[in-house]
C-alpha atoms as a PDB file:
ATOM      1  CA  UNK A   1      95.867  72.076  75.432  1.00  0.00           C
ATOM      2  CA  UNK A   2      98.109  73.311  78.401  1.00  0.00           C
ATOM      3  CA  UNK A   3      98.347  71.686  81.656  1.00  0.00           C
ATOM      4  CA  UNK A   4      99.344  73.527  84.817  1.00  0.00           C
ATOM      5  CA  UNK A   5     100.045  72.126  88.200  1.00  0.00           C
ATOM      6  CA  UNK A   6     100.056  73.930  91.559  1.00  0.00           C
ATOM      7  CA  UNK A   7     103.096  72.351  93.305  1.00  0.00           C
ATOM      8  CA  UNK A   8     103.633  73.204  97.161  1.00  0.00           C
ATOM      9  CA  UNK A   9     107.196  72.299  98.655  1.00  0.00           C
ATOM     10  CA  UNK A  10     107.884  71.718 102.122  1.00  0.00           C
ATOM     11  CA  UNK A  11     111.593  72.103 102.396  1.00  0.00           C
ATOM     12  CA  UNK A  12     113.835  70.685 105.174  1.00  0.00           C
ATOM     13  CA  UNK A  13     115.288  73.018 107.763  1.00  0.00           C
ATOM     14  CA  UNK A  14     118.678  73.212 106.014  1.00  0.00           C
ATOM     15  CA  UNK A  15     116.931  74.040 102.886  1.00  0.00           C
ATOM     16  CA  UNK A  16     114.688  76.748 104.547  1.00  0.00           C
ATOM     17  CA  UNK A  17     117.815  78.391 106.072  1.00  0.00           C
ATOM     18  CA  UNK A  18     119.315  78.599 102.847  1.00  0.00           C
ATOM     19  CA  UNK A  19     116.013  80.135 101.265  1.00  0.00           C
ATOM     20  CA  UNK A  20     115.961  82.490 104.126  1.00  0.00           C
ATOM     21  CA  UNK A  21     119.424  83.454 103.619  1.00  0.00           C
ATOM     22  CA  UNK A  22     118.892  83.844  99.825  1.00  0.00           C
ATOM     23  CA  UNK A  23     115.632  86.216 100.140  1.00  0.00           C
ATOM     24  CA  UNK A  24     117.250  88.156 102.813  1.00  0.00           C
ATOM     25  CA  UNK A  25     120.501  88.917 100.329  1.00  0.00           C
ATOM     26  CA  UNK A  26     118.007  89.595  97.661  1.00  0.00           C
ATOM     27  CA  UNK A  27     116.187  91.940  99.892  1.00  0.00           C
ATOM     28  CA  UNK A  28     119.173  93.725 100.614  1.00  0.00           C
ATOM     29  CA  UNK A  29     120.410  94.254  97.040  1.00  0.00           C
ATOM     30  CA  UNK A  30     117.029  95.271  95.973  1.00  0.00           C
ATOM     31  CA  UNK A  31     116.972  98.021  98.876  1.00  0.00           C
ATOM     32  CA  UNK A  32     120.577  99.184  97.937  1.00  0.00           C
ATOM     33  CA  UNK A  33     119.976  99.398  94.191  1.00  0.00           C
ATOM     34  CA  UNK A  34     116.672 101.151  94.858  1.00  0.00           C
ATOM     35  CA  UNK A  35     118.487 103.756  97.319  1.00  0.00           C
ATOM     36  CA  UNK A  36     121.200 104.187  94.354  1.00  0.00           C
ATOM     37  CA  UNK A  37     118.400 104.733  91.435  1.00  0.00           C
ATOM     38  CA  UNK A  38     116.592 107.134  93.921  1.00  0.00           C
ATOM     39  CA  UNK A  39     119.751 109.153  95.056  1.00  0.00           C
ATOM     40  CA  UNK A  40     120.752 109.310  91.257  1.00  0.00           C
ATOM     41  CA  UNK A  41     117.248 110.341  90.382  1.00  0.00           C
ATOM     42  CA  UNK A  42     116.739 113.076  92.835  1.00  0.00           C
ATOM     43  CA  UNK A  43     120.275 114.340  92.299  1.00  0.00           C
ATOM     44  CA  UNK A  44     119.266 114.577  88.598  1.00  0.00           C
ATOM     45  CA  UNK A  45     122.196 112.660  87.869  1.00  0.00           C
ATOM     46  CA  UNK A  46     121.891 110.298  84.653  1.00  0.00           C
ATOM     47  CA  UNK A  47     120.213 106.863  84.865  1.00  0.00           C
ATOM     48  CA  UNK A  48     122.736 104.227  86.313  1.00  0.00           C
ATOM     49  CA  UNK A  49     123.221 101.568  83.615  1.00  0.00           C
ATOM     50  CA  UNK A  50     122.517  97.909  84.589  1.00  0.00           C
ATOM     51  CA  UNK A  51     126.153  97.059  84.901  1.00  0.00           C
ATOM     52  CA  UNK A  52     126.913 100.158  86.983  1.00  0.00           C
ATOM     53  CA  UNK A  53     124.415  99.328  89.353  1.00  0.00           C
ATOM     54  CA  UNK A  54     125.248  95.500  89.425  1.00  0.00           C
ATOM     55  CA  UNK A  55     129.008  96.589  90.211  1.00  0.00           C
ATOM     56  CA  UNK A  56     128.096  98.932  92.989  1.00  0.00           C
ATOM     57  CA  UNK A  57     125.718  96.728  94.888  1.00  0.00           C
ATOM     58  CA  UNK A  58     126.870  93.557  93.983  1.00  0.00           C
ATOM     59  CA  UNK A  59     130.419  93.223  93.050  1.00  0.00           C
ATOM     60  CA  UNK A  60     131.691  96.196  95.231  1.00  0.00           C
ATOM     61  CA  UNK A  61     129.701  95.553  98.493  1.00  0.00           C
ATOM     62  CA  UNK A  62     130.690  91.854  98.469  1.00  0.00           C
ATOM     63  CA  UNK A  63     134.361  93.260  99.097  1.00  0.00           C
ATOM     64  CA  UNK A  64     133.256  95.120 102.217  1.00  0.00           C
ATOM     65  CA  UNK A  65     133.211  93.766 105.691  1.00  0.00           C
ATOM     66  CA  UNK A  66     129.734  94.812 106.149  1.00  0.00           C
ATOM     67  CA  UNK A  67     128.178  93.110 102.777  1.00  0.00           C
ATOM     68  CA  UNK A  68     130.924  90.128 102.449  1.00  0.00           C
ATOM     69  CA  UNK A  69     128.086  87.668 103.262  1.00  0.00           C
ATOM     70  CA  UNK A  70     126.522  88.416  99.974  1.00  0.00           C
ATOM     71  CA  UNK A  71     129.040  85.987  98.761  1.00  0.00           C
ATOM     72  CA  UNK A  72     127.166  83.109 100.393  1.00  0.00           C
ATOM     73  CA  UNK A  73     124.247  82.986  98.018  1.00  0.00           C
ATOM     74  CA  UNK A  74     124.011  82.289  94.204  1.00  0.00           C
ATOM     75  CA  UNK A  75     124.862  85.127  92.033  1.00  0.00           C
ATOM     76  CA  UNK A  76     121.841  84.351  89.905  1.00  0.00           C
ATOM     77  CA  UNK A  77     119.274  85.331  93.018  1.00  0.00           C
ATOM     78  CA  UNK A  78     121.207  88.662  93.235  1.00  0.00           C
ATOM     79  CA  UNK A  79     121.402  89.377  89.447  1.00  0.00           C
ATOM     80  CA  UNK A  80     117.566  88.616  89.039  1.00  0.00           C
ATOM     81  CA  UNK A  81     116.681  90.831  91.896  1.00  0.00           C
ATOM     82  CA  UNK A  82     118.567  93.915  90.246  1.00  0.00           C
ATOM     83  CA  UNK A  83     116.852  92.731  87.105  1.00  0.00           C
ATOM     84  CA  UNK A  84     113.374  92.957  88.650  1.00  0.00           C
ATOM     85  CA  UNK A  85     114.460  96.389  90.141  1.00  0.00           C
ATOM     86  CA  UNK A  86     115.426  97.523  86.691  1.00  0.00           C
ATOM     87  CA  UNK A  87     111.936  96.431  85.340  1.00  0.00           C
ATOM     88  CA  UNK A  88     110.164  98.323  88.202  1.00  0.00           C
ATOM     89  CA  UNK A  89     112.181 101.510  87.857  1.00  0.00           C
ATOM     90  CA  UNK A  90     111.932 101.632  83.834  1.00  0.00           C
ATOM     91  CA  UNK A  91     108.088 100.991  84.447  1.00  0.00           C
ATOM     92  CA  UNK A  92     107.981 104.158  86.586  1.00  0.00           C
ATOM     93  CA  UNK A  93     110.112 106.407  84.376  1.00  0.00           C
ATOM     94  CA  UNK A  94     108.015 105.240  81.539  1.00  0.00           C
ATOM     95  CA  UNK A  95     104.715 106.738  82.815  1.00  0.00           C
ATOM     96  CA  UNK A  96     103.583 104.117  85.139  1.00  0.00           C
ATOM     97  CA  UNK A  97     101.943 105.855  88.442  1.00  0.00           C
ATOM     98  CA  UNK A  98     103.577 103.604  91.031  1.00  0.00           C
ATOM     99  CA  UNK A  99     107.186 104.243  92.169  1.00  0.00           C
ATOM    100  CA  UNK A 100     109.174 101.219  93.203  1.00  0.00           C
ATOM    101  CA  UNK A 101     109.333 100.808  97.058  1.00  0.00           C
ATOM    102  CA  UNK A 102     111.489  99.126  99.418  1.00  0.00           C
ATOM    103  CA  UNK A 103     111.193  95.187  99.713  1.00  0.00           C
ATOM    104  CA  UNK A 104     109.937  93.912 102.712  1.00  0.00           C
ATOM    105  CA  UNK A 105     109.508  90.534 104.465  1.00  0.00           C
ATOM    106  CA  UNK A 106     105.736  89.561 103.570  1.00  0.00           C
ATOM    107  CA  UNK A 107     104.499  86.229 104.763  1.00  0.00           C
ATOM    108  CA  UNK A 108     105.120  84.290 101.454  1.00  0.00           C
ATOM    109  CA  UNK A 109     108.104  85.115  99.402  1.00  0.00           C
ATOM    110  CA  UNK A 110     108.119  84.269  95.600  1.00  0.00           C
ATOM    111  CA  UNK A 111     111.183  82.786  94.199  1.00  0.00           C
ATOM    112  CA  UNK A 112     112.520  82.409  90.479  1.00  0.00           C
ATOM    113  CA  UNK A 113     115.132  79.928  89.297  1.00  0.00           C
ATOM    114  CA  UNK A 114     116.470  79.362  85.717  1.00  0.00           C
ATOM    115  CA  UNK A 115     115.256  76.592  83.809  1.00  0.00           C
ATOM    116  CA  UNK A 116     117.673  73.871  83.846  1.00  0.00           C
END
């Protein structure tokens, strides 16, 4: 028998700020990665490997003054965001009808974290 629990957490103001920062960074990385994939697709360039995309939109972006704030959040959040983008793009290229779209700011934002 499997049990499932619904749990609602109420973060402190400090935790809320950290979550907002993480979600904002994830949204930025997703949109930057999506733009890079779309540009490559429209130009007929080969599919960017996951490593190349990670290097371009995370590693190299952290070194620029405009995106240096990406270093303030856990790299796990940013890598998981790119993994989600890769899944969405592979589904699209594999014949799924919907194309990945820009990430926006919905009311509720899902969060994933690795099991400890």
